Amino acid sequence: MRFGNDVLAQAARLAGGRCVGRHPPSPSEPTAPGGPDRLVAGRGGPFLGPGRFWGAQTGPNPTDRGKNGSKHHVLTEANGIPLATSVTGANCADVTQLLPLVDAVPPLSGQRGRPRRTPQCLHADKAYDSALHRLALWQRGIEPRIPKRGYEEPPGLGVCRWVVERTISWLHQYRRLRVRYERRADIHQAFLTLGCILVCHKCLQNSFC
């Protein structure tokens, strides 16, 4: 039985005459076993077990001593306006989100005539180097401009990629995106989408994109 947010008593525990029934069981009686403990022993004291506190779409961060975290994947156009985003665990490989981000971009509109429905080319760093993904981009009519691992990057190829890093830095200026507070991945994805809307709004206002 509830009064607002306060639990009063169960209906079966109420006696007649508008009064409470017998006293509850003795507090010394053993309680029913619950779920697994969230606190586990560790160096320097207890800590939250992995995958319990931050919820879905988290994983050990390889660049931050294995702490649980999330990663933002952003696909932008040539001027840095975000087109598609996704949230994964910090240990997720970047190349796994390449095709989902490309397929999430709506058809493009351009000059009169036969409209182009996909981008002309795609720039990415060596983390997205994959023969299968290159073939998939060619099949979609997109030229992959991705440097190969183990080879020196062609001059001038990285000049086109700094806009993505700039967009990510804009998004991480918002506290909700710089540090994840939500356990549900869909809520954090909503904040990421809202951040992209604000970035697009500022670009339209200032005309610097």
C-alpha atoms as a PDB file:
ATOM      1  CA  MET A   1       0.000   0.000   0.000  1.00  0.00           C
ATOM      2  CA  ARG A   2       1.445   3.354  -0.997  1.00  0.00           C
ATOM      3  CA  PHE A   3       0.862   6.951  -0.013  1.00  0.00           C
ATOM      4  CA  GLY A   4       2.619   9.009  -2.660  1.00  0.00           C
ATOM      5  CA  ASN A   5       6.136   7.561  -2.859  1.00  0.00           C
ATOM      6  CA  ASP A   6       6.001   6.031   0.664  1.00  0.00           C
ATOM      7  CA  VAL A   7       5.249   2.371   1.284  1.00  0.00           C
ATOM      8  CA  LEU A   8       2.809   2.014   4.208  1.00  0.00           C
ATOM      9  CA  ALA A   9       1.859  -1.636   4.512  1.00  0.00           C
ATOM     10  CA  GLN A  10       0.401  -4.526   2.599  1.00  0.00           C
ATOM     11  CA  ALA A  11      -3.371  -4.748   2.396  1.00  0.00           C
ATOM     12  CA  ALA A  12      -3.359  -8.174   4.084  1.00  0.00           C
ATOM     13  CA  ARG A  13      -1.508  -6.750   7.092  1.00  0.00           C
ATOM     14  CA  LEU A  14      -4.254  -4.229   7.903  1.00  0.00           C
ATOM     15  CA  ALA A  15      -6.746  -5.178  10.599  1.00  0.00           C
ATOM     16  CA  GLY A  16     -10.330  -4.077  10.998  1.00  0.00           C
ATOM     17  CA  GLY A  17     -11.346  -0.910  12.745  1.00  0.00           C
ATOM     18  CA  ARG A  18      -9.003   1.277  10.730  1.00  0.00           C
ATOM     19  CA  CYS A  19      -5.925   0.214  12.671  1.00  0.00           C
ATOM     20  CA  VAL A  20      -2.756  -1.702  11.891  1.00  0.00           C
ATOM     21  CA  GLY A  21      -2.653  -5.404  12.638  1.00  0.00           C
ATOM     22  CA  ARG A  22      -0.111  -7.305  14.656  1.00  0.00           C
ATOM     23  CA  HIS A  23       3.477  -6.194  14.933  1.00  0.00           C
ATOM     24  CA  PRO A  24       5.826  -7.206  12.129  1.00  0.00           C
ATOM     25  CA  PRO A  25       8.205 -10.161  12.457  1.00  0.00           C
ATOM     26  CA  SER A  26      11.239  -9.759  14.661  1.00  0.00           C
ATOM     27  CA  PRO A  27      14.077  -7.918  12.933  1.00  0.00           C
ATOM     28  CA  SER A  28      16.472 -10.610  14.097  1.00  0.00           C
ATOM     29  CA  GLU A  29      14.932 -13.177  11.773  1.00  0.00           C
ATOM     30  CA  PRO A  30      17.044 -13.996   8.680  1.00  0.00           C
ATOM     31  CA  THR A  31      16.035 -12.215   5.520  1.00  0.00           C
ATOM     32  CA  ALA A  32      15.449 -13.889   2.184  1.00  0.00           C
ATOM     33  CA  PRO A  33      18.509 -14.169  -0.037  1.00  0.00           C
ATOM     34  CA  GLY A  34      18.708 -11.352  -2.579  1.00  0.00           C
ATOM     35  CA  GLY A  35      20.589 -10.855  -5.797  1.00  0.00           C
ATOM     36  CA  PRO A  36      24.355 -10.848  -6.224  1.00  0.00           C
ATOM     37  CA  ASP A  37      26.361  -8.194  -4.426  1.00  0.00           C
ATOM     38  CA  ARG A  38      27.302  -5.159  -6.469  1.00  0.00           C
ATOM     39  CA  LEU A  39      30.384  -4.469  -4.403  1.00  0.00           C
ATOM     40  CA  VAL A  40      33.391  -6.717  -4.867  1.00  0.00           C
ATOM     41  CA  ALA A  41      36.756  -6.679  -3.208  1.00  0.00           C
ATOM     42  CA  GLY A  42      39.538  -4.906  -4.981  1.00  0.00           C
ATOM     43  CA  ARG A  43      42.741  -2.991  -4.476  1.00  0.00           C
ATOM     44  CA  GLY A  44      42.334  -0.033  -2.191  1.00  0.00           C
ATOM     45  CA  GLY A  45      38.756  -0.902  -1.268  1.00  0.00           C
ATOM     46  CA  PRO A  46      35.501  -2.077  -2.847  1.00  0.00           C
ATOM     47  CA  PHE A  47      34.429  -0.902  -6.274  1.00  0.00           C
ATOM     48  CA  LEU A  48      31.425  -1.338  -8.510  1.00  0.00           C
ATOM     49  CA  GLY A  49      31.582  -4.568 -10.460  1.00  0.00           C
ATOM     50  CA  PRO A  50      32.162  -4.291 -14.212  1.00  0.00           C
ATOM     51  CA  GLY A  51      29.096  -3.809 -16.347  1.00  0.00           C
ATOM     52  CA  ARG A  52      26.834  -3.138 -13.366  1.00  0.00           C
ATOM     53  CA  PHE A  53      26.967   0.601 -12.727  1.00  0.00           C
ATOM     54  CA  TRP A  54      27.068   2.134 -16.187  1.00  0.00           C
ATOM     55  CA  GLY A  55      24.552  -0.239 -17.728  1.00  0.00           C
ATOM     56  CA  ALA A  56      24.285  -1.121 -21.411  1.00  0.00           C
ATOM     57  CA  GLN A  57      26.713  -0.124 -24.164  1.00  0.00           C
ATOM     58  CA  THR A  58      29.725   0.086 -21.872  1.00  0.00           C
ATOM     59  CA  GLY A  59      33.037  -1.740 -21.768  1.00  0.00           C
ATOM     60  CA  PRO A  60      36.577  -1.546 -20.403  1.00  0.00           C
ATOM     61  CA  ASN A  61      38.390   1.465 -21.800  1.00  0.00           C
ATOM     62  CA  PRO A  62      41.791   0.360 -23.186  1.00  0.00           C
ATOM     63  CA  THR A  63      43.154   3.905 -22.811  1.00  0.00           C
ATOM     64  CA  ASP A  64      41.979   4.497 -19.227  1.00  0.00           C
ATOM     65  CA  ARG A  65      43.199   1.531 -17.172  1.00  0.00           C
ATOM     66  CA  GLY A  66      40.247  -0.642 -18.144  1.00  0.00           C
ATOM     67  CA  LYS A  67      37.576   1.553 -16.557  1.00  0.00           C
ATOM     68  CA  ASN A  68      34.063   1.094 -17.865  1.00  0.00           C
ATOM     69  CA  GLY A  69      33.076   3.680 -20.421  1.00  0.00           C
ATOM     70  CA  SER A  70      31.320   4.400 -23.689  1.00  0.00           C
ATOM     71  CA  LYS A  71      32.481   5.547 -27.101  1.00  0.00           C
ATOM     72  CA  HIS A  72      30.813   8.000 -29.448  1.00  0.00           C
ATOM     73  CA  HIS A  73      30.955   7.246 -33.164  1.00  0.00           C
ATOM     74  CA  VAL A  74      30.156  10.237 -35.374  1.00  0.00           C
ATOM     75  CA  LEU A  75      29.824  10.511 -39.149  1.00  0.00           C
ATOM     76  CA  THR A  76      29.962  14.081 -40.496  1.00  0.00           C
ATOM     77  CA  GLU A  77      29.879  15.799 -43.854  1.00  0.00           C
ATOM     78  CA  ALA A  78      32.827  17.749 -45.258  1.00  0.00           C
ATOM     79  CA  ASN A  79      32.252  20.790 -43.021  1.00  0.00           C
ATOM     80  CA  GLY A  80      31.753  18.854 -39.777  1.00  0.00           C
ATOM     81  CA  ILE A  81      27.955  18.809 -39.521  1.00  0.00           C
ATOM     82  CA  PRO A  82      26.985  15.502 -37.852  1.00  0.00           C
ATOM     83  CA  LEU A  83      24.928  13.159 -40.018  1.00  0.00           C
ATOM     84  CA  ALA A  84      24.766   9.955 -37.952  1.00  0.00           C
ATOM     85  CA  THR A  85      25.901   8.860 -34.496  1.00  0.00           C
ATOM     86  CA  SER A  86      26.023   5.729 -32.369  1.00  0.00           C
ATOM     87  CA  VAL A  87      27.046   4.723 -28.834  1.00  0.00           C
ATOM     88  CA  THR A  88      29.042   1.577 -28.042  1.00  0.00           C
ATOM     89  CA  GLY A  89      31.273   0.271 -25.304  1.00  0.00           C
ATOM     90  CA  ALA A  90      34.738   1.761 -25.018  1.00  0.00           C
ATOM     91  CA  ASN A  91      36.290  -1.555 -26.092  1.00  0.00           C
ATOM     92  CA  CYS A  92      34.256  -1.772 -29.315  1.00  0.00           C
ATOM     93  CA  ALA A  93      36.290  -1.632 -32.528  1.00  0.00           C
ATOM     94  CA  ASP A  94      35.617   1.482 -34.603  1.00  0.00           C
ATOM     95  CA  VAL A  95      35.289  -0.447 -37.862  1.00  0.00           C
ATOM     96  CA  THR A  96      32.182  -2.270 -36.603  1.00  0.00           C
ATOM     97  CA  GLN A  97      30.228   0.992 -36.735  1.00  0.00           C
ATOM     98  CA  LEU A  98      31.348   2.074 -40.204  1.00  0.00           C
ATOM     99  CA  LEU A  99      28.567   0.535 -42.292  1.00  0.00           C
ATOM    100  CA  PRO A 100      25.761   1.164 -39.760  1.00  0.00           C
ATOM    101  CA  LEU A 101      26.662   4.864 -39.715  1.00  0.00           C
ATOM    102  CA  VAL A 102      26.846   5.046 -43.521  1.00  0.00           C
ATOM    103  CA  ASP A 103      23.501   3.278 -43.900  1.00  0.00           C
ATOM    104  CA  ALA A 104      21.916   5.602 -41.316  1.00  0.00           C
ATOM    105  CA  VAL A 105      22.509   8.666 -43.508  1.00  0.00           C
ATOM    106  CA  PRO A 106      19.300   9.589 -45.360  1.00  0.00           C
ATOM    107  CA  PRO A 107      19.338  10.012 -49.153  1.00  0.00           C
ATOM    108  CA  LEU A 108      21.157  13.166 -50.267  1.00  0.00           C
ATOM    109  CA  SER A 109      19.620  15.830 -52.453  1.00  0.00           C
ATOM    110  CA  GLY A 110      21.570  17.967 -54.859  1.00  0.00           C
ATOM    111  CA  GLN A 111      21.278  19.623 -58.239  1.00  0.00           C
ATOM    112  CA  ARG A 112      18.582  18.945 -60.775  1.00  0.00           C
ATOM    113  CA  GLY A 113      18.609  15.639 -62.529  1.00  0.00           C
ATOM    114  CA  ARG A 114      19.257  12.230 -61.102  1.00  0.00           C
ATOM    115  CA  PRO A 115      19.818  12.817 -57.366  1.00  0.00           C
ATOM    116  CA  ARG A 116      22.798  11.261 -55.658  1.00  0.00           C
ATOM    117  CA  ARG A 117      21.631   9.129 -52.753  1.00  0.00           C
ATOM    118  CA  THR A 118      25.053   8.389 -51.191  1.00  0.00           C
ATOM    119  CA  PRO A 119      28.214  10.409 -50.509  1.00  0.00           C
ATOM    120  CA  GLN A 120      30.876  10.490 -53.192  1.00  0.00           C
ATOM    121  CA  CYS A 121      33.737   9.417 -50.901  1.00  0.00           C
ATOM    122  CA  LEU A 122      34.423   8.636 -47.263  1.00  0.00           C
ATOM    123  CA  HIS A 123      37.488   9.669 -45.242  1.00  0.00           C
ATOM    124  CA  ALA A 124      38.507   7.679 -42.173  1.00  0.00           C
ATOM    125  CA  ASP A 125      41.641   6.819 -40.222  1.00  0.00           C
ATOM    126  CA  LYS A 126      43.511   3.524 -40.041  1.00  0.00           C
ATOM    127  CA  ALA A 127      41.152   2.151 -37.390  1.00  0.00           C
ATOM    128  CA  TYR A 128      38.597   1.630 -40.164  1.00  0.00           C
ATOM    129  CA  ASP A 129      40.960  -0.259 -42.476  1.00  0.00           C
ATOM    130  CA  SER A 130      39.229  -3.454 -43.610  1.00  0.00           C
ATOM    131  CA  ALA A 131      39.074  -5.136 -47.003  1.00  0.00           C
ATOM    132  CA  LEU A 132      35.483  -6.281 -46.467  1.00  0.00           C
ATOM    133  CA  HIS A 133      34.349  -2.809 -45.478  1.00  0.00           C
ATOM    134  CA  ARG A 134      36.153  -1.258 -48.449  1.00  0.00           C
ATOM    135  CA  LEU A 135      34.300  -3.634 -50.769  1.00  0.00           C
ATOM    136  CA  ALA A 136      31.001  -2.842 -49.054  1.00  0.00           C
ATOM    137  CA  LEU A 137      31.586   0.887 -49.584  1.00  0.00           C
ATOM    138  CA  TRP A 138      32.380   0.373 -53.277  1.00  0.00           C
ATOM    139  CA  GLN A 139      29.161  -1.623 -53.638  1.00  0.00           C
ATOM    140  CA  ARG A 140      27.283   1.348 -52.178  1.00  0.00           C
ATOM    141  CA  GLY A 141      28.886   3.684 -54.713  1.00  0.00           C
ATOM    142  CA  ILE A 142      31.194   5.323 -52.142  1.00  0.00           C
ATOM    143  CA  GLU A 143      34.929   5.682 -52.688  1.00  0.00           C
ATOM    144  CA  PRO A 144      36.793   4.694 -49.492  1.00  0.00           C
ATOM    145  CA  ARG A 145      39.734   6.943 -48.690  1.00  0.00           C
ATOM    146  CA  ILE A 146      41.142   5.019 -45.748  1.00  0.00           C
ATOM    147  CA  PRO A 147      44.898   4.592 -45.174  1.00  0.00           C
ATOM    148  CA  LYS A 148      46.155   1.036 -44.859  1.00  0.00           C
ATOM    149  CA  ARG A 149      47.751  -0.233 -41.713  1.00  0.00           C
ATOM    150  CA  GLY A 150      51.471  -0.771 -41.871  1.00  0.00           C
ATOM    151  CA  TYR A 151      51.920   1.780 -44.645  1.00  0.00           C
ATOM    152  CA  GLU A 152      52.732   5.446 -44.484  1.00  0.00           C
ATOM    153  CA  GLU A 153      49.684   7.634 -44.856  1.00  0.00           C
ATOM    154  CA  PRO A 154      49.529   9.528 -48.160  1.00  0.00           C
ATOM    155  CA  PRO A 155      50.197  13.276 -47.764  1.00  0.00           C
ATOM    156  CA  GLY A 156      47.112  15.420 -47.401  1.00  0.00           C
ATOM    157  CA  LEU A 157      44.779  12.575 -46.476  1.00  0.00           C
ATOM    158  CA  GLY A 158      44.522  13.616 -42.841  1.00  0.00           C
ATOM    159  CA  VAL A 159      43.599  17.201 -43.723  1.00  0.00           C
ATOM    160  CA  CYS A 160      40.027  16.148 -44.470  1.00  0.00           C
ATOM    161  CA  ARG A 161      39.542  14.273 -41.188  1.00  0.00           C
ATOM    162  CA  TRP A 162      40.174  17.018 -38.630  1.00  0.00           C
ATOM    163  CA  VAL A 163      36.580  18.245 -38.975  1.00  0.00           C
ATOM    164  CA  VAL A 164      35.367  15.029 -37.331  1.00  0.00           C
ATOM    165  CA  GLU A 165      37.630  15.573 -34.334  1.00  0.00           C
ATOM    166  CA  ARG A 166      36.377  19.149 -34.126  1.00  0.00           C
ATOM    167  CA  THR A 167      32.765  17.993 -34.105  1.00  0.00           C
ATOM    168  CA  ILE A 168      33.482  15.450 -31.363  1.00  0.00           C
ATOM    169  CA  SER A 169      35.165  18.172 -29.288  1.00  0.00           C
ATOM    170  CA  TRP A 170      32.055  20.336 -29.745  1.00  0.00           C
ATOM    171  CA  LEU A 171      29.849  17.494 -28.541  1.00  0.00           C
ATOM    172  CA  HIS A 172      32.034  16.801 -25.516  1.00  0.00           C
ATOM    173  CA  GLN A 173      31.649  20.381 -24.344  1.00  0.00           C
ATOM    174  CA  TYR A 174      28.268  19.279 -23.002  1.00  0.00           C
ATOM    175  CA  ARG A 175      28.579  17.733 -19.558  1.00  0.00           C
ATOM    176  CA  ARG A 176      26.083  14.960 -20.271  1.00  0.00           C
ATOM    177  CA  LEU A 177      28.230  13.767 -23.172  1.00  0.00           C
ATOM    178  CA  ARG A 178      31.650  14.348 -21.675  1.00  0.00           C
ATOM    179  CA  VAL A 179      30.777  12.110 -18.701  1.00  0.00           C
ATOM    180  CA  ARG A 180      28.088   9.469 -18.997  1.00  0.00           C
ATOM    181  CA  TYR A 181      25.576   9.513 -16.155  1.00  0.00           C
ATOM    182  CA  GLU A 182      22.799   7.390 -17.673  1.00  0.00           C
ATOM    183  CA  ARG A 183      22.621   3.630 -17.269  1.00  0.00           C
ATOM    184  CA  ARG A 184      20.241   3.207 -20.210  1.00  0.00           C
ATOM    185  CA  ALA A 185      21.942   3.418 -23.579  1.00  0.00           C
ATOM    186  CA  ASP A 186      18.868   4.825 -25.339  1.00  0.00           C
ATOM    187  CA  ILE A 187      18.770   7.806 -22.983  1.00  0.00           C
ATOM    188  CA  HIS A 188      22.453   8.526 -23.575  1.00  0.00           C
ATOM    189  CA  GLN A 189      21.885   8.182 -27.314  1.00  0.00           C
ATOM    190  CA  ALA A 190      19.083  10.734 -26.996  1.00  0.00           C
ATOM    191  CA  PHE A 191      21.456  13.198 -25.334  1.00  0.00           C
ATOM    192  CA  LEU A 192      23.975  12.572 -28.133  1.00  0.00           C
ATOM    193  CA  THR A 193      21.302  13.304 -30.734  1.00  0.00           C
ATOM    194  CA  LEU A 194      20.317  16.453 -28.861  1.00  0.00           C
ATOM    195  CA  GLY A 195      23.967  17.532 -28.826  1.00  0.00           C
ATOM    196  CA  CYS A 196      24.132  17.079 -32.611  1.00  0.00           C
ATOM    197  CA  ILE A 197      20.995  19.226 -32.991  1.00  0.00           C
ATOM    198  CA  LEU A 198      22.644  22.001 -30.970  1.00  0.00           C
ATOM    199  CA  VAL A 199      25.810  21.758 -33.070  1.00  0.00           C
ATOM    200  CA  CYS A 200      23.768  22.059 -36.283  1.00  0.00           C
ATOM    201  CA  HIS A 201      21.842  24.994 -34.822  1.00  0.00           C
ATOM    202  CA  LYS A 202      25.056  26.849 -33.967  1.00  0.00           C
ATOM    203  CA  CYS A 203      26.455  26.158 -37.421  1.00  0.00           C
ATOM    204  CA  LEU A 204      23.361  27.658 -39.015  1.00  0.00           C
ATOM    205  CA  GLN A 205      23.491  30.694 -36.743  1.00  0.00           C
ATOM    206  CA  ASN A 206      27.194  31.426 -37.112  1.00  0.00           C
ATOM    207  CA  SER A 207      27.684  30.054 -40.651  1.00  0.00           C
ATOM    208  CA  PHE A 208      31.130  28.707 -39.786  1.00  0.00           C
ATOM    209  CA  CYS A 209      30.508  25.128 -40.947  1.00  0.00           C
END
